[in-house]
Amino acid sequence: MKSVGGVAKPAGAMLKGEMAFDPVVANAAIRTMNAAAYTVGNHFPVGSETGMETTVSPKIWEDMAGFEAKLAQFQKDTDAAAAAEPKDLDAFKAAMGPVFKNCKGCHEDYRIKKN
């Protein structure tokens, strides 16, 4: 997820107009998020819910079906964004809107807020 956080910053900056749109950076962000969508679930096997310092909520293991549904939606959203290959800011906004909405929803449900 650190890779997703790393690409979310410039992607968000482009979406907010704080950084000029760059299609190479935009599509790299999408590809990074898409790869994470297919691998992040592997980091939460049964038995891994304790013993580590993390902001991951125990809800992942308590509601694995819900978590897996969120991951499936993240995969779908990032697949669509990757297929769109946005070439301008408007297309990037359209592609990333569902991706960031999915990220937010998962964080709200399955992440412990830092103080």
PDB file of N, CA and C in Angstrom:
ATOM      1  N   MET A   1       0.818  -1.194   0.000  1.00  0.00           N
ATOM      2  CA  MET A   1       0.000   0.000   0.000  1.00  0.00           C
ATOM      3  C   MET A   1       0.864   1.260   0.000  1.00  0.00           C
ATOM      4  N   LYS A   2       2.128   1.131   0.406  1.00  0.00           N
ATOM      5  CA  LYS A   2       2.999   2.306   0.363  1.00  0.00           C
ATOM      6  C   LYS A   2       3.191   2.779  -1.074  1.00  0.00           C
ATOM      7  N   SER A   3       3.226   1.834  -2.014  1.00  0.00           N
ATOM      8  CA  SER A   3       3.356   2.233  -3.418  1.00  0.00           C
ATOM      9  C   SER A   3       2.120   3.004  -3.875  1.00  0.00           C
ATOM     10  N   VAL A   4       0.943   2.592  -3.407  1.00  0.00           N
ATOM     11  CA  VAL A   4      -0.289   3.295  -3.753  1.00  0.00           C
ATOM     12  C   VAL A   4      -0.264   4.701  -3.153  1.00  0.00           C
ATOM     13  N   GLY A   5       0.150   4.797  -1.897  1.00  0.00           N
ATOM     14  CA  GLY A   5       0.264   6.107  -1.268  1.00  0.00           C
ATOM     15  C   GLY A   5       1.229   7.007  -2.012  1.00  0.00           C
ATOM     16  N   GLY A   6       2.315   6.411  -2.490  1.00  0.00           N
ATOM     17  CA  GLY A   6       3.320   7.182  -3.221  1.00  0.00           C
ATOM     18  C   GLY A   6       2.808   7.758  -4.529  1.00  0.00           C
ATOM     19  N   VAL A   7       1.958   7.011  -5.230  1.00  0.00           N
ATOM     20  CA  VAL A   7       1.433   7.516  -6.499  1.00  0.00           C
ATOM     21  C   VAL A   7       0.144   8.310  -6.315  1.00  0.00           C
ATOM     22  N   ALA A   8      -0.523   8.110  -5.192  1.00  0.00           N
ATOM     23  CA  ALA A   8      -1.761   8.854  -4.937  1.00  0.00           C
ATOM     24  C   ALA A   8      -1.469  10.341  -4.740  1.00  0.00           C
ATOM     25  N   LYS A   9      -0.312  10.656  -4.175  1.00  0.00           N
ATOM     26  CA  LYS A   9       0.017  12.062  -3.930  1.00  0.00           C
ATOM     27  C   LYS A   9       0.112  12.868  -5.227  1.00  0.00           C
ATOM     28  N   PRO A  10       0.926  12.447  -6.199  1.00  0.00           N
ATOM     29  CA  PRO A  10       0.962  13.240  -7.436  1.00  0.00           C
ATOM     30  C   PRO A  10      -0.356  13.154  -8.218  1.00  0.00           C
ATOM     31  N   ALA A  11      -1.025  12.015  -8.160  1.00  0.00           N
ATOM     32  CA  ALA A  11      -2.315  11.890  -8.849  1.00  0.00           C
ATOM     33  C   ALA A  11      -3.313  12.876  -8.250  1.00  0.00           C
ATOM     34  N   GLY A  12      -3.379  12.915  -6.931  1.00  0.00           N
ATOM     35  CA  GLY A  12      -4.275  13.858  -6.263  1.00  0.00           C
ATOM     36  C   GLY A  12      -3.911  15.290  -6.567  1.00  0.00           C
ATOM     37  N   ALA A  13      -2.617  15.577  -6.615  1.00  0.00           N
ATOM     38  CA  ALA A  13      -2.167  16.940  -6.920  1.00  0.00           C
ATOM     39  C   ALA A  13      -2.594  17.345  -8.330  1.00  0.00           C
ATOM     40  N   MET A  14      -2.516  16.415  -9.280  1.00  0.00           N
ATOM     41  CA  MET A  14      -2.977  16.734 -10.638  1.00  0.00           C
ATOM     42  C   MET A  14      -4.484  16.972 -10.645  1.00  0.00           C
ATOM     43  N   LEU A  15      -5.220  16.132  -9.924  1.00  0.00           N
ATOM     44  CA  LEU A  15      -6.679  16.271  -9.885  1.00  0.00           C
ATOM     45  C   LEU A  15      -7.110  17.595  -9.258  1.00  0.00           C
ATOM     46  N   LYS A  16      -6.343  18.069  -8.284  1.00  0.00           N
ATOM     47  CA  LYS A  16      -6.665  19.329  -7.602  1.00  0.00           C
ATOM     48  C   LYS A  16      -6.112  20.550  -8.320  1.00  0.00           C
ATOM     49  N   GLY A  17      -5.341  20.348  -9.374  1.00  0.00           N
ATOM     50  CA  GLY A  17      -4.736  21.460 -10.087  1.00  0.00           C
ATOM     51  C   GLY A  17      -3.494  22.005  -9.417  1.00  0.00           C
ATOM     52  N   GLU A  18      -2.944  21.266  -8.471  1.00  0.00           N
ATOM     53  CA  GLU A  18      -1.727  21.688  -7.773  1.00  0.00           C
ATOM     54  C   GLU A  18      -0.476  21.286  -8.535  1.00  0.00           C
ATOM     55  N   MET A  19      -0.641  20.447  -9.540  1.00  0.00           N
ATOM     56  CA  MET A  19       0.460  19.946 -10.355  1.00  0.00           C
ATOM     57  C   MET A  19      -0.074  19.843 -11.781  1.00  0.00           C
ATOM     58  N   ALA A  20       0.756  20.189 -12.750  1.00  0.00           N
ATOM     59  CA  ALA A  20       0.330  20.087 -14.149  1.00  0.00           C
ATOM     60  C   ALA A  20       0.052  18.627 -14.499  1.00  0.00           C
ATOM     61  N   PHE A  21      -0.968  18.400 -15.303  1.00  0.00           N
ATOM     62  CA  PHE A  21      -1.291  17.046 -15.726  1.00  0.00           C
ATOM     63  C   PHE A  21      -0.146  16.494 -16.571  1.00  0.00           C
ATOM     64  N   ASP A  22       0.260  15.290 -16.266  1.00  0.00           N
ATOM     65  CA  ASP A  22       1.305  14.585 -17.011  1.00  0.00           C
ATOM     66  C   ASP A  22       0.766  13.180 -17.288  1.00  0.00           C
ATOM     67  N   PRO A  23       0.483  12.847 -18.543  1.00  0.00           N
ATOM     68  CA  PRO A  23      -0.102  11.541 -18.837  1.00  0.00           C
ATOM     69  C   PRO A  23       0.791  10.369 -18.448  1.00  0.00           C
ATOM     70  N   VAL A  24       2.083  10.549 -18.464  1.00  0.00           N
ATOM     71  CA  VAL A  24       2.995   9.466 -18.075  1.00  0.00           C
ATOM     72  C   VAL A  24       2.855   9.196 -16.575  1.00  0.00           C
ATOM     73  N   VAL A  25       2.861  10.248 -15.785  1.00  0.00           N
ATOM     74  CA  VAL A  25       2.704  10.110 -14.334  1.00  0.00           C
ATOM     75  C   VAL A  25       1.308   9.569 -14.011  1.00  0.00           C
ATOM     76  N   ALA A  26       0.303  10.085 -14.701  1.00  0.00           N
ATOM     77  CA  ALA A  26      -1.074   9.647 -14.462  1.00  0.00           C
ATOM     78  C   ALA A  26      -1.234   8.154 -14.728  1.00  0.00           C
ATOM     79  N   ASN A  27      -0.743   7.700 -15.852  1.00  0.00           N
ATOM     80  CA  ASN A  27      -0.898   6.285 -16.202  1.00  0.00           C
ATOM     81  C   ASN A  27      -0.007   5.384 -15.357  1.00  0.00           C
ATOM     82  N   ALA A  28       1.130   5.890 -14.908  1.00  0.00           N
ATOM     83  CA  ALA A  28       1.960   5.112 -13.979  1.00  0.00           C
ATOM     84  C   ALA A  28       1.229   4.935 -12.648  1.00  0.00           C
ATOM     85  N   ALA A  29       0.537   5.974 -12.210  1.00  0.00           N
ATOM     86  CA  ALA A  29      -0.241   5.882 -10.969  1.00  0.00           C
ATOM     87  C   ALA A  29      -1.335   4.833 -11.115  1.00  0.00           C
ATOM     88  N   ILE A  30      -2.021   4.862 -12.233  1.00  0.00           N
ATOM     89  CA  ILE A  30      -3.086   3.890 -12.476  1.00  0.00           C
ATOM     90  C   ILE A  30      -2.524   2.466 -12.486  1.00  0.00           C
ATOM     91  N   ARG A  31      -1.430   2.248 -13.186  1.00  0.00           N
ATOM     92  CA  ARG A  31      -0.834   0.899 -13.258  1.00  0.00           C
ATOM     93  C   ARG A  31      -0.371   0.422 -11.885  1.00  0.00           C
ATOM     94  N   THR A  32       0.190   1.323 -11.089  1.00  0.00           N
ATOM     95  CA  THR A  32       0.633   0.959  -9.741  1.00  0.00           C
ATOM     96  C   THR A  32      -0.557   0.563  -8.878  1.00  0.00           C
ATOM     97  N   MET A  33      -1.618   1.346  -8.948  1.00  0.00           N
ATOM     98  CA  MET A  33      -2.815   1.034  -8.164  1.00  0.00           C
ATOM     99  C   MET A  33      -3.459  -0.271  -8.647  1.00  0.00           C
ATOM    100  N   ASN A  34      -3.431  -0.497  -9.939  1.00  0.00           N
ATOM    101  CA  ASN A  34      -4.006  -1.716 -10.492  1.00  0.00           C
ATOM    102  C   ASN A  34      -3.224  -2.940 -10.014  1.00  0.00           C
ATOM    103  N   ALA A  35      -1.913  -2.850  -9.991  1.00  0.00           N
ATOM    104  CA  ALA A  35      -1.097  -3.965  -9.487  1.00  0.00           C
ATOM    105  C   ALA A  35      -1.391  -4.218  -8.017  1.00  0.00           C
ATOM    106  N   ALA A  36      -1.519  -3.158  -7.247  1.00  0.00           N
ATOM    107  CA  ALA A  36      -1.816  -3.310  -5.822  1.00  0.00           C
ATOM    108  C   ALA A  36      -3.181  -3.938  -5.614  1.00  0.00           C
ATOM    109  N   ALA A  37      -4.138  -3.600  -6.465  1.00  0.00           N
ATOM    110  CA  ALA A  37      -5.491  -4.148  -6.333  1.00  0.00           C
ATOM    111  C   ALA A  37      -5.480  -5.674  -6.388  1.00  0.00           C
ATOM    112  N   TYR A  38      -4.544  -6.214  -7.145  1.00  0.00           N
ATOM    113  CA  TYR A  38      -4.475  -7.667  -7.308  1.00  0.00           C
ATOM    114  C   TYR A  38      -3.534  -8.353  -6.320  1.00  0.00           C
ATOM    115  N   THR A  39      -2.788  -7.587  -5.549  1.00  0.00           N
ATOM    116  CA  THR A  39      -1.827  -8.211  -4.633  1.00  0.00           C
ATOM    117  C   THR A  39      -2.056  -7.886  -3.161  1.00  0.00           C
ATOM    118  N   VAL A  40      -2.705  -6.786  -2.849  1.00  0.00           N
ATOM    119  CA  VAL A  40      -2.824  -6.351  -1.458  1.00  0.00           C
ATOM    120  C   VAL A  40      -3.554  -7.378  -0.598  1.00  0.00           C
ATOM    121  N   GLY A  41      -4.505  -8.067  -1.140  1.00  0.00           N
ATOM    122  CA  GLY A  41      -5.243  -9.061  -0.369  1.00  0.00           C
ATOM    123  C   GLY A  41      -4.374 -10.191   0.151  1.00  0.00           C
ATOM    124  N   ASN A  42      -3.262 -10.424  -0.506  1.00  0.00           N
ATOM    125  CA  ASN A  42      -2.335 -11.482  -0.083  1.00  0.00           C
ATOM    126  C   ASN A  42      -1.639 -11.172   1.232  1.00  0.00           C
ATOM    127  N   HIS A  43      -1.712  -9.942   1.676  1.00  0.00           N
ATOM    128  CA  HIS A  43      -1.019  -9.522   2.893  1.00  0.00           C
ATOM    129  C   HIS A  43      -1.833  -9.736   4.167  1.00  0.00           C
ATOM    130  N   PHE A  44      -3.034 -10.298   4.037  1.00  0.00           N
ATOM    131  CA  PHE A  44      -3.915 -10.442   5.193  1.00  0.00           C
ATOM    132  C   PHE A  44      -4.458 -11.862   5.363  1.00  0.00           C
ATOM    133  N   PRO A  45      -3.574 -12.865   5.336  1.00  0.00           N
ATOM    134  CA  PRO A  45      -4.073 -14.234   5.519  1.00  0.00           C
ATOM    135  C   PRO A  45      -4.553 -14.448   6.957  1.00  0.00           C
ATOM    136  N   VAL A  46      -5.406 -15.433   7.125  1.00  0.00           N
ATOM    137  CA  VAL A  46      -5.859 -15.794   8.468  1.00  0.00           C
ATOM    138  C   VAL A  46      -4.623 -16.082   9.319  1.00  0.00           C
ATOM    139  N   GLY A  47      -4.612 -15.562  10.529  1.00  0.00           N
ATOM    140  CA  GLY A  47      -3.485 -15.737  11.429  1.00  0.00           C
ATOM    141  C   GLY A  47      -2.531 -14.555  11.437  1.00  0.00           C
ATOM    142  N   SER A  48      -2.714 -13.613  10.516  1.00  0.00           N
ATOM    143  CA  SER A  48      -1.819 -12.448  10.464  1.00  0.00           C
ATOM    144  C   SER A  48      -2.416 -11.231  11.145  1.00  0.00           C
ATOM    145  N   GLU A  49      -3.532 -11.438  11.841  1.00  0.00           N
ATOM    146  CA  GLU A  49      -4.232 -10.303  12.432  1.00  0.00           C
ATOM    147  C   GLU A  49      -3.605  -9.746  13.706  1.00  0.00           C
ATOM    148  N   THR A  50      -2.615 -10.392  14.235  1.00  0.00           N
ATOM    149  CA  THR A  50      -1.950  -9.891  15.445  1.00  0.00           C
ATOM    150  C   THR A  50      -0.443  -9.947  15.291  1.00  0.00           C
ATOM    151  N   GLY A  51       0.221  -9.216  16.173  1.00  0.00           N
ATOM    152  CA  GLY A  51       1.670  -9.294  16.254  1.00  0.00           C
ATOM    153  C   GLY A  51       2.435  -8.289  15.429  1.00  0.00           C
ATOM    154  N   MET A  52       1.733  -7.355  14.786  1.00  0.00           N
ATOM    155  CA  MET A  52       2.433  -6.361  13.988  1.00  0.00           C
ATOM    156  C   MET A  52       1.922  -4.970  14.317  1.00  0.00           C
ATOM    157  N   GLU A  53       2.799  -4.010  14.205  1.00  0.00           N
ATOM    158  CA  GLU A  53       2.419  -2.618  14.395  1.00  0.00           C
ATOM    159  C   GLU A  53       1.848  -2.122  13.068  1.00  0.00           C
ATOM    160  N   THR A  54       0.558  -1.809  13.047  1.00  0.00           N
ATOM    161  CA  THR A  54      -0.100  -1.469  11.795  1.00  0.00           C
ATOM    162  C   THR A  54      -1.326  -0.594  12.046  1.00  0.00           C
ATOM    163  N   THR A  55      -1.817   0.017  10.983  1.00  0.00           N
ATOM    164  CA  THR A  55      -3.067   0.765  11.056  1.00  0.00           C
ATOM    165  C   THR A  55      -4.214  -0.037  10.448  1.00  0.00           C
ATOM    166  N   VAL A  56      -3.965  -1.308  10.184  1.00  0.00           N
ATOM    167  CA  VAL A  56      -4.998  -2.177   9.636  1.00  0.00           C
ATOM    168  C   VAL A  56      -5.996  -2.519  10.735  1.00  0.00           C
ATOM    169  N   SER A  57      -7.271  -2.367  10.414  1.00  0.00           N
ATOM    170  CA  SER A  57      -8.318  -2.658  11.386  1.00  0.00           C
ATOM    171  C   SER A  57      -8.565  -4.164  11.475  1.00  0.00           C
ATOM    172  N   PRO A  58      -8.881  -4.660  12.667  1.00  0.00           N
ATOM    173  CA  PRO A  58      -9.249  -6.070  12.812  1.00  0.00           C
ATOM    174  C   PRO A  58     -10.497  -6.431  12.005  1.00  0.00           C
ATOM    175  N   LYS A  59     -11.221  -5.416  11.545  1.00  0.00           N
ATOM    176  CA  LYS A  59     -12.426  -5.661  10.754  1.00  0.00           C
ATOM    177  C   LYS A  59     -12.123  -6.457   9.483  1.00  0.00           C
ATOM    178  N   ILE A  60     -10.893  -6.352   8.978  1.00  0.00           N
ATOM    179  CA  ILE A  60     -10.544  -7.128   7.782  1.00  0.00           C
ATOM    180  C   ILE A  60     -10.805  -8.608   8.041  1.00  0.00           C
ATOM    181  N   TRP A  61     -10.320  -9.104   9.172  1.00  0.00           N
ATOM    182  CA  TRP A  61     -10.457 -10.532   9.470  1.00  0.00           C
ATOM    183  C   TRP A  61     -11.853 -10.868   9.974  1.00  0.00           C
ATOM    184  N   GLU A  62     -12.506  -9.894  10.597  1.00  0.00           N
ATOM    185  CA  GLU A  62     -13.865 -10.114  11.080  1.00  0.00           C
ATOM    186  C   GLU A  62     -14.877 -10.115   9.933  1.00  0.00           C
ATOM    187  N   ASP A  63     -14.559  -9.415   8.864  1.00  0.00           N
ATOM    188  CA  ASP A  63     -15.451  -9.298   7.709  1.00  0.00           C
ATOM    189  C   ASP A  63     -14.650  -9.523   6.426  1.00  0.00           C
ATOM    190  N   MET A  64     -14.010 -10.684   6.329  1.00  0.00           N
ATOM    191  CA  MET A  64     -13.163 -10.969   5.172  1.00  0.00           C
ATOM    192  C   MET A  64     -13.965 -10.907   3.872  1.00  0.00           C
ATOM    193  N   ALA A  65     -15.220 -11.357   3.886  1.00  0.00           N
ATOM    194  CA  ALA A  65     -16.039 -11.308   2.667  1.00  0.00           C
ATOM    195  C   ALA A  65     -16.247  -9.862   2.215  1.00  0.00           C
ATOM    196  N   GLY A  66     -16.500  -8.965   3.159  1.00  0.00           N
ATOM    197  CA  GLY A  66     -16.667  -7.555   2.823  1.00  0.00           C
ATOM    198  C   GLY A  66     -15.383  -6.945   2.295  1.00  0.00           C
ATOM    199  N   PHE A  67     -14.270  -7.301   2.929  1.00  0.00           N
ATOM    200  CA  PHE A  67     -12.964  -6.808   2.487  1.00  0.00           C
ATOM    201  C   PHE A  67     -12.667  -7.305   1.077  1.00  0.00           C
ATOM    202  N   GLU A  68     -12.926  -8.575   0.828  1.00  0.00           N
ATOM    203  CA  GLU A  68     -12.677  -9.133  -0.503  1.00  0.00           C
ATOM    204  C   GLU A  68     -13.585  -8.489  -1.548  1.00  0.00           C
ATOM    205  N   ALA A  69     -14.793  -8.128  -1.167  1.00  0.00           N
ATOM    206  CA  ALA A  69     -15.686  -7.414  -2.091  1.00  0.00           C
ATOM    207  C   ALA A  69     -15.121  -6.038  -2.429  1.00  0.00           C
ATOM    208  N   LYS A  70     -14.582  -5.363  -1.423  1.00  0.00           N
ATOM    209  CA  LYS A  70     -13.951  -4.051  -1.667  1.00  0.00           C
ATOM    210  C   LYS A  70     -12.754  -4.201  -2.603  1.00  0.00           C
ATOM    211  N   LEU A  71     -11.952  -5.252  -2.397  1.00  0.00           N
ATOM    212  CA  LEU A  71     -10.807  -5.486  -3.276  1.00  0.00           C
ATOM    213  C   LEU A  71     -11.262  -5.774  -4.700  1.00  0.00           C
ATOM    214  N   ALA A  72     -12.328  -6.546  -4.845  1.00  0.00           N
ATOM    215  CA  ALA A  72     -12.852  -6.840  -6.177  1.00  0.00           C
ATOM    216  C   ALA A  72     -13.287  -5.555  -6.882  1.00  0.00           C
ATOM    217  N   GLN A  73     -13.906  -4.647  -6.140  1.00  0.00           N
ATOM    218  CA  GLN A  73     -14.320  -3.371  -6.724  1.00  0.00           C
ATOM    219  C   GLN A  73     -13.096  -2.530  -7.078  1.00  0.00           C
ATOM    220  N   PHE A  74     -12.081  -2.556  -6.223  1.00  0.00           N
ATOM    221  CA  PHE A  74     -10.834  -1.834  -6.503  1.00  0.00           C
ATOM    222  C   PHE A  74     -10.203  -2.376  -7.786  1.00  0.00           C
ATOM    223  N   GLN A  75     -10.218  -3.691  -7.960  1.00  0.00           N
ATOM    224  CA  GLN A  75      -9.695  -4.289  -9.186  1.00  0.00           C
ATOM    225  C   GLN A  75     -10.480  -3.800 -10.394  1.00  0.00           C
ATOM    226  N   LYS A  76     -11.807  -3.832 -10.290  1.00  0.00           N
ATOM    227  CA  LYS A  76     -12.670  -3.393 -11.388  1.00  0.00           C
ATOM    228  C   LYS A  76     -12.416  -1.927 -11.727  1.00  0.00           C
ATOM    229  N   ASP A  77     -12.339  -1.090 -10.691  1.00  0.00           N
ATOM    230  CA  ASP A  77     -12.119   0.339 -10.902  1.00  0.00           C
ATOM    231  C   ASP A  77     -10.763   0.612 -11.547  1.00  0.00           C
ATOM    232  N   THR A  78      -9.722  -0.052 -11.072  1.00  0.00           N
ATOM    233  CA  THR A  78      -8.388   0.193 -11.631  1.00  0.00           C
ATOM    234  C   THR A  78      -8.236  -0.443 -13.010  1.00  0.00           C
ATOM    235  N   ASP A  79      -8.928  -1.565 -13.256  1.00  0.00           N
ATOM    236  CA  ASP A  79      -8.928  -2.144 -14.607  1.00  0.00           C
ATOM    237  C   ASP A  79      -9.532  -1.150 -15.600  1.00  0.00           C
ATOM    238  N   ALA A  80     -10.654  -0.546 -15.223  1.00  0.00           N
ATOM    239  CA  ALA A  80     -11.319   0.424 -16.099  1.00  0.00           C
ATOM    240  C   ALA A  80     -10.445   1.652 -16.317  1.00  0.00           C
ATOM    241  N   ALA A  81      -9.805   2.124 -15.261  1.00  0.00           N
ATOM    242  CA  ALA A  81      -8.924   3.292 -15.391  1.00  0.00           C
ATOM    243  C   ALA A  81      -7.744   2.974 -16.305  1.00  0.00           C
ATOM    244  N   ALA A  82      -7.175   1.781 -16.164  1.00  0.00           N
ATOM    245  CA  ALA A  82      -6.049   1.386 -17.009  1.00  0.00           C
ATOM    246  C   ALA A  82      -6.481   1.275 -18.471  1.00  0.00           C
ATOM    247  N   ALA A  83      -7.664   0.723 -18.702  1.00  0.00           N
ATOM    248  CA  ALA A  83      -8.163   0.578 -20.072  1.00  0.00           C
ATOM    249  C   ALA A  83      -8.430   1.946 -20.707  1.00  0.00           C
ATOM    250  N   ALA A  84      -8.789   2.919 -19.897  1.00  0.00           N
ATOM    251  CA  ALA A  84      -9.090   4.262 -20.414  1.00  0.00           C
ATOM    252  C   ALA A  84      -7.840   4.976 -20.921  1.00  0.00           C
ATOM    253  N   GLU A  85      -6.680   4.654 -20.340  1.00  0.00           N
ATOM    254  CA  GLU A  85      -5.424   5.324 -20.704  1.00  0.00           C
ATOM    255  C   GLU A  85      -5.627   6.825 -20.894  1.00  0.00           C
ATOM    256  N   PRO A  86      -6.010   7.530 -19.826  1.00  0.00           N
ATOM    257  CA  PRO A  86      -6.332   8.957 -19.966  1.00  0.00           C
ATOM    258  C   PRO A  86      -5.176   9.781 -20.526  1.00  0.00           C
ATOM    259  N   LYS A  87      -5.542  10.622 -21.483  1.00  0.00           N
ATOM    260  CA  LYS A  87      -4.543  11.460 -22.151  1.00  0.00           C
ATOM    261  C   LYS A  87      -4.659  12.929 -21.764  1.00  0.00           C
ATOM    262  N   ASP A  88      -5.732  13.263 -21.023  1.00  0.00           N
ATOM    263  CA  ASP A  88      -5.885  14.643 -20.576  1.00  0.00           C
ATOM    264  C   ASP A  88      -6.496  14.640 -19.176  1.00  0.00           C
ATOM    265  N   LEU A  89      -6.526  15.802 -18.564  1.00  0.00           N
ATOM    266  CA  LEU A  89      -6.972  15.911 -17.179  1.00  0.00           C
ATOM    267  C   LEU A  89      -8.426  15.478 -17.005  1.00  0.00           C
ATOM    268  N   ASP A  90      -9.286  15.857 -17.924  1.00  0.00           N
ATOM    269  CA  ASP A  90     -10.691  15.473 -17.783  1.00  0.00           C
ATOM    270  C   ASP A  90     -10.859  13.959 -17.825  1.00  0.00           C
ATOM    271  N   ALA A  91     -10.160  13.306 -18.727  1.00  0.00           N
ATOM    272  CA  ALA A  91     -10.232  11.845 -18.813  1.00  0.00           C
ATOM    273  C   ALA A  91      -9.637  11.207 -17.560  1.00  0.00           C
ATOM    274  N   PHE A  92      -8.585  11.806 -17.034  1.00  0.00           N
ATOM    275  CA  PHE A  92      -7.963  11.296 -15.810  1.00  0.00           C
ATOM    276  C   PHE A  92      -8.919  11.432 -14.630  1.00  0.00           C
ATOM    277  N   LYS A  93      -9.591  12.565 -14.542  1.00  0.00           N
ATOM    278  CA  LYS A  93     -10.580  12.764 -13.471  1.00  0.00           C
ATOM    279  C   LYS A  93     -11.674  11.703 -13.555  1.00  0.00           C
ATOM    280  N   ALA A  94     -12.163  11.441 -14.761  1.00  0.00           N
ATOM    281  CA  ALA A  94     -13.224  10.447 -14.945  1.00  0.00           C
ATOM    282  C   ALA A  94     -12.736   9.052 -14.577  1.00  0.00           C
ATOM    283  N   ALA A  95     -11.506   8.739 -14.912  1.00  0.00           N
ATOM    284  CA  ALA A  95     -10.953   7.410 -14.628  1.00  0.00           C
ATOM    285  C   ALA A  95     -10.642   7.229 -13.147  1.00  0.00           C
ATOM    286  N   MET A  96     -10.145   8.270 -12.515  1.00  0.00           N
ATOM    287  CA  MET A  96      -9.691   8.142 -11.131  1.00  0.00           C
ATOM    288  C   MET A  96     -10.777   8.381 -10.096  1.00  0.00           C
ATOM    289  N   GLY A  97     -11.857   9.013 -10.467  1.00  0.00           N
ATOM    290  CA  GLY A  97     -12.937   9.244  -9.509  1.00  0.00           C
ATOM    291  C   GLY A  97     -13.384   7.967  -8.811  1.00  0.00           C
ATOM    292  N   PRO A  98     -13.749   6.928  -9.562  1.00  0.00           N
ATOM    293  CA  PRO A  98     -14.159   5.677  -8.914  1.00  0.00           C
ATOM    294  C   PRO A  98     -13.025   5.002  -8.133  1.00  0.00           C
ATOM    295  N   VAL A  99     -11.803   5.138  -8.608  1.00  0.00           N
ATOM    296  CA  VAL A  99     -10.655   4.524  -7.919  1.00  0.00           C
ATOM    297  C   VAL A  99     -10.483   5.159  -6.546  1.00  0.00           C
ATOM    298  N   PHE A 100     -10.447   6.480  -6.497  1.00  0.00           N
ATOM    299  CA  PHE A 100     -10.260   7.153  -5.211  1.00  0.00           C
ATOM    300  C   PHE A 100     -11.464   6.973  -4.292  1.00  0.00           C
ATOM    301  N   LYS A 101     -12.654   6.883  -4.860  1.00  0.00           N
ATOM    302  CA  LYS A 101     -13.838   6.617  -4.042  1.00  0.00           C
ATOM    303  C   LYS A 101     -13.712   5.240  -3.385  1.00  0.00           C
ATOM    304  N   ASN A 102     -13.223   4.269  -4.138  1.00  0.00           N
ATOM    305  CA  ASN A 102     -13.030   2.934  -3.585  1.00  0.00           C
ATOM    306  C   ASN A 102     -11.954   2.944  -2.510  1.00  0.00           C
ATOM    307  N   CYS A 103     -10.866   3.651  -2.747  1.00  0.00           N
ATOM    308  CA  CYS A 103      -9.796   3.750  -1.739  1.00  0.00           C
ATOM    309  C   CYS A 103     -10.355   4.328  -0.436  1.00  0.00           C
ATOM    310  N   LYS A 104     -11.103   5.410  -0.558  1.00  0.00           N
ATOM    311  CA  LYS A 104     -11.666   6.064   0.621  1.00  0.00           C
ATOM    312  C   LYS A 104     -12.583   5.120   1.384  1.00  0.00           C
ATOM    313  N   GLY A 105     -13.442   4.418   0.674  1.00  0.00           N
ATOM    314  CA  GLY A 105     -14.370   3.499   1.321  1.00  0.00           C
ATOM    315  C   GLY A 105     -13.661   2.382   2.071  1.00  0.00           C
ATOM    316  N   CYS A 106     -12.627   1.857   1.489  1.00  0.00           N
ATOM    317  CA  CYS A 106     -11.868   0.788   2.149  1.00  0.00           C
ATOM    318  C   CYS A 106     -11.142   1.336   3.380  1.00  0.00           C
ATOM    319  N   HIS A 107     -10.572   2.515   3.246  1.00  0.00           N
ATOM    320  CA  HIS A 107      -9.890   3.115   4.390  1.00  0.00           C
ATOM    321  C   HIS A 107     -10.866   3.397   5.530  1.00  0.00           C
ATOM    322  N   GLU A 108     -12.047   3.849   5.195  1.00  0.00           N
ATOM    323  CA  GLU A 108     -13.033   4.131   6.241  1.00  0.00           C
ATOM    324  C   GLU A 108     -13.461   2.864   6.973  1.00  0.00           C
ATOM    325  N   ASP A 109     -13.565   1.768   6.256  1.00  0.00           N
ATOM    326  CA  ASP A 109     -14.038   0.519   6.844  1.00  0.00           C
ATOM    327  C   ASP A 109     -12.943  -0.352   7.451  1.00  0.00           C
ATOM    328  N   TYR A 110     -11.761  -0.333   6.871  1.00  0.00           N
ATOM    329  CA  TYR A 110     -10.747  -1.332   7.236  1.00  0.00           C
ATOM    330  C   TYR A 110      -9.398  -0.745   7.653  1.00  0.00           C
ATOM    331  N   ARG A 111      -9.391   0.488   8.072  1.00  0.00           N
ATOM    332  CA  ARG A 111      -8.147   1.114   8.504  1.00  0.00           C
ATOM    333  C   ARG A 111      -8.391   1.882   9.786  1.00  0.00           C
ATOM    334  N   ILE A 112      -7.467   1.799  10.717  1.00  0.00           N
ATOM    335  CA  ILE A 112      -7.547   2.547  11.970  1.00  0.00           C
ATOM    336  C   ILE A 112      -6.993   3.939  11.708  1.00  0.00           C
ATOM    337  N   LYS A 113      -7.745   4.955  12.056  1.00  0.00           N
ATOM    338  CA  LYS A 113      -7.294   6.325  11.851  1.00  0.00           C
ATOM    339  C   LYS A 113      -6.137   6.652  12.779  1.00  0.00           C
ATOM    340  N   LYS A 114      -5.140   7.307  12.214  1.00  0.00           N
ATOM    341  CA  LYS A 114      -4.005   7.771  13.008  1.00  0.00           C
ATOM    342  C   LYS A 114      -4.423   9.012  13.768  1.00  0.00           C
ATOM    343  N   ASN A 115      -3.844   9.207  14.945  1.00  0.00           N
ATOM    344  CA  ASN A 115      -4.164  10.404  15.740  1.00  0.00           C
ATOM    345  C   ASN A 115      -3.496  11.628  15.206  1.00  0.00           C
TER     346      ASN A 115
END
